[in-house]
Amino acid sequence: MEPADVFCGKCGARQPGLPPRPADPFGSITPRTASVLCYIPGIGWIASIVVLASQRFRTNRVVRFHAFQGLYLFVAWLIEDWVLKPILAEIPHAHINGILQTVLFCVSCFMVVKASQEEAYSLPIIGELAHKSVSEK
């Protein structure tokens, strides 16, 4: 029998030994990369949830701050799209909705840059909520 064999070739019994440890899916992701991914418009919320659920970043307060702030920024996008857009559509010749979408996109891009510089920049209101969320266990 070879050391790599899991089962005996004669009787089919499982060989004793420790099962291989599963590889950490976040082993190659740096905290900086995880923070940046949380602000990607449209899909950053997925990265934020994965980062918050991962064991690797459980104690990294900066990455968790970016994950929470990325989630709250996504909620701002949802509020703009689901609440403000229908209301503002009733106002003739108002381009407020387009302005709000542009501002949210620029804020997301700004936060990608800040996170890539490893700076925990706190956005107004959203940043305060993120800090409170990080401090709660």
Protein backbone atom coordinates (compact mmCIF):
# COMPACT_ATOMS: atom_id res chain seq x y z
CA MET A 1 0.00 0.00 0.00
CA GLU A 2 1.06 3.55 -0.65
CA PRO A 3 0.98 6.22 2.07
CA ALA A 4 -1.48 8.27 -0.01
CA ASP A 5 -3.99 5.39 -0.27
CA VAL A 6 -7.17 6.03 1.64
CA PHE A 7 -8.55 2.49 1.41
CA CYS A 8 -6.86 -0.93 1.66
CA GLY A 9 -6.47 -2.66 -1.71
CA LYS A 10 -7.20 -6.09 -0.22
CA CYS A 11 -10.05 -5.61 2.25
CA GLY A 12 -11.36 -2.12 1.36
CA ALA A 13 -11.06 -0.83 4.91
CA ARG A 14 -10.38 2.86 5.45
CA GLN A 15 -6.80 3.49 6.44
CA PRO A 16 -6.10 5.19 9.76
CA GLY A 17 -4.88 8.73 9.67
CA LEU A 18 -6.07 12.24 9.93
CA PRO A 19 -8.27 13.52 7.16
CA PRO A 20 -6.69 16.37 5.24
CA ARG A 21 -7.57 19.78 6.53
CA PRO A 22 -9.71 21.74 4.12
CA ALA A 23 -7.89 24.70 2.61
CA ASP A 24 -8.89 28.11 3.92
CA PRO A 25 -10.80 29.80 1.07
CA PHE A 26 -9.60 33.19 2.35
CA GLY A 27 -5.98 32.13 2.82
CA SER A 28 -4.73 34.07 -0.19
CA ILE A 29 -6.94 37.15 0.26
CA THR A 30 -5.22 40.01 2.04
CA PRO A 31 -7.18 42.27 4.40
CA ARG A 32 -6.65 45.10 1.92
CA THR A 33 -8.23 43.11 -0.92
CA ALA A 34 -11.14 42.04 1.27
CA SER A 35 -11.76 45.67 2.23
CA VAL A 36 -11.70 46.85 -1.39
CA LEU A 37 -14.10 44.13 -2.54
CA CYS A 38 -16.72 45.34 -0.05
CA TYR A 39 -17.21 48.58 -2.02
CA ILE A 40 -17.53 47.26 -5.58
CA PRO A 41 -20.83 48.71 -6.86
CA GLY A 42 -23.52 46.09 -7.35
CA ILE A 43 -21.66 43.10 -5.92
CA GLY A 44 -19.85 44.53 -2.90
CA TRP A 45 -22.66 43.44 -0.60
CA ILE A 46 -21.84 39.80 -1.38
CA ALA A 47 -18.18 40.33 -0.49
CA SER A 48 -19.24 42.16 2.68
CA ILE A 49 -21.39 39.25 3.85
CA VAL A 50 -18.66 36.71 3.04
CA VAL A 51 -16.06 38.79 4.90
CA LEU A 52 -18.32 39.16 7.95
CA ALA A 53 -19.03 35.43 7.97
CA SER A 54 -15.42 34.34 7.55
CA GLN A 55 -13.43 33.14 10.52
CA ARG A 56 -10.23 34.69 9.16
CA PHE A 57 -11.45 38.29 9.45
CA ARG A 58 -13.46 37.82 12.65
CA THR A 59 -10.93 39.78 14.74
CA ASN A 60 -9.78 42.29 12.11
CA ARG A 61 -11.70 45.43 13.08
CA VAL A 62 -10.65 47.45 10.01
CA VAL A 63 -11.83 44.83 7.52
CA ARG A 64 -15.05 44.36 9.47
CA PHE A 65 -15.56 48.15 9.46
CA HIS A 66 -15.23 48.20 5.66
CA ALA A 67 -17.60 45.23 5.35
CA PHE A 68 -20.27 46.90 7.47
CA GLN A 69 -19.83 50.26 5.76
CA GLY A 70 -20.04 48.53 2.36
CA LEU A 71 -23.30 46.87 3.42
CA TYR A 72 -24.77 50.14 4.64
CA LEU A 73 -23.72 51.85 1.41
CA PHE A 74 -25.56 49.10 -0.49
CA VAL A 75 -28.65 49.78 1.65
CA ALA A 76 -28.38 53.44 0.60
CA TRP A 77 -28.39 52.26 -3.04
CA LEU A 78 -31.52 50.20 -2.34
CA ILE A 79 -33.29 53.11 -0.64
CA GLU A 80 -32.46 55.34 -3.60
CA ASP A 81 -33.66 52.75 -6.13
CA TRP A 82 -36.76 51.40 -4.39
CA VAL A 83 -38.00 54.42 -2.43
CA LEU A 84 -36.68 57.68 -3.83
CA LYS A 85 -36.71 56.77 -7.52
CA PRO A 86 -40.50 56.17 -7.69
CA ILE A 87 -41.20 59.32 -5.68
CA LEU A 88 -38.85 61.52 -7.72
CA ALA A 89 -40.19 60.11 -11.00
CA GLU A 90 -43.42 62.03 -10.33
CA ILE A 91 -41.59 65.38 -10.42
CA PRO A 92 -41.39 66.62 -14.01
CA HIS A 93 -38.02 67.79 -15.36
CA ALA A 94 -36.23 66.82 -12.15
CA HIS A 95 -32.97 64.95 -12.58
CA ILE A 96 -32.48 64.41 -8.88
CA ASN A 97 -32.55 60.63 -9.24
CA GLY A 98 -29.67 60.66 -11.73
CA ILE A 99 -27.71 62.98 -9.46
CA LEU A 100 -28.25 60.67 -6.47
CA GLN A 101 -27.13 57.63 -8.46
CA THR A 102 -24.02 59.47 -9.60
CA VAL A 103 -23.22 60.57 -6.05
CA LEU A 104 -23.59 57.01 -4.70
CA PHE A 105 -21.40 55.65 -7.50
CA CYS A 106 -18.73 58.29 -6.81
CA VAL A 107 -18.85 57.50 -3.08
CA SER A 108 -18.34 53.80 -3.86
CA CYS A 109 -15.36 54.60 -6.10
CA PHE A 110 -13.96 56.94 -3.45
CA MET A 111 -14.22 54.19 -0.85
CA VAL A 112 -12.50 51.67 -3.16
CA VAL A 113 -9.57 54.10 -3.36
CA LYS A 114 -9.55 54.73 0.41
CA ALA A 115 -9.71 51.00 1.19
CA SER A 116 -6.91 50.29 -1.30
CA GLN A 117 -4.80 52.82 0.59
CA GLU A 118 -5.64 50.89 3.79
CA GLU A 119 -7.43 53.90 5.25
CA ALA A 120 -10.57 53.35 7.33
CA TYR A 121 -12.35 56.48 6.10
CA SER A 122 -15.67 56.94 7.85
CA LEU A 123 -18.56 58.20 5.72
CA PRO A 124 -21.11 60.50 7.39
CA ILE A 125 -23.93 58.57 9.12
CA ILE A 126 -23.01 55.26 7.42
CA GLY A 127 -19.54 55.27 8.98
CA GLU A 128 -20.96 55.88 12.45
CA LEU A 129 -23.30 52.90 12.01
CA ALA A 130 -20.38 50.77 10.81
CA HIS A 131 -18.28 51.70 13.85
CA LYS A 132 -21.16 50.79 16.17
CA SER A 133 -21.65 47.48 14.35
CA VAL A 134 -17.96 46.58 14.64
CA SER A 135 -17.91 47.33 18.36
CA GLU A 136 -20.93 45.08 19.04
CA LYS A 137 -20.31 41.37 19.43
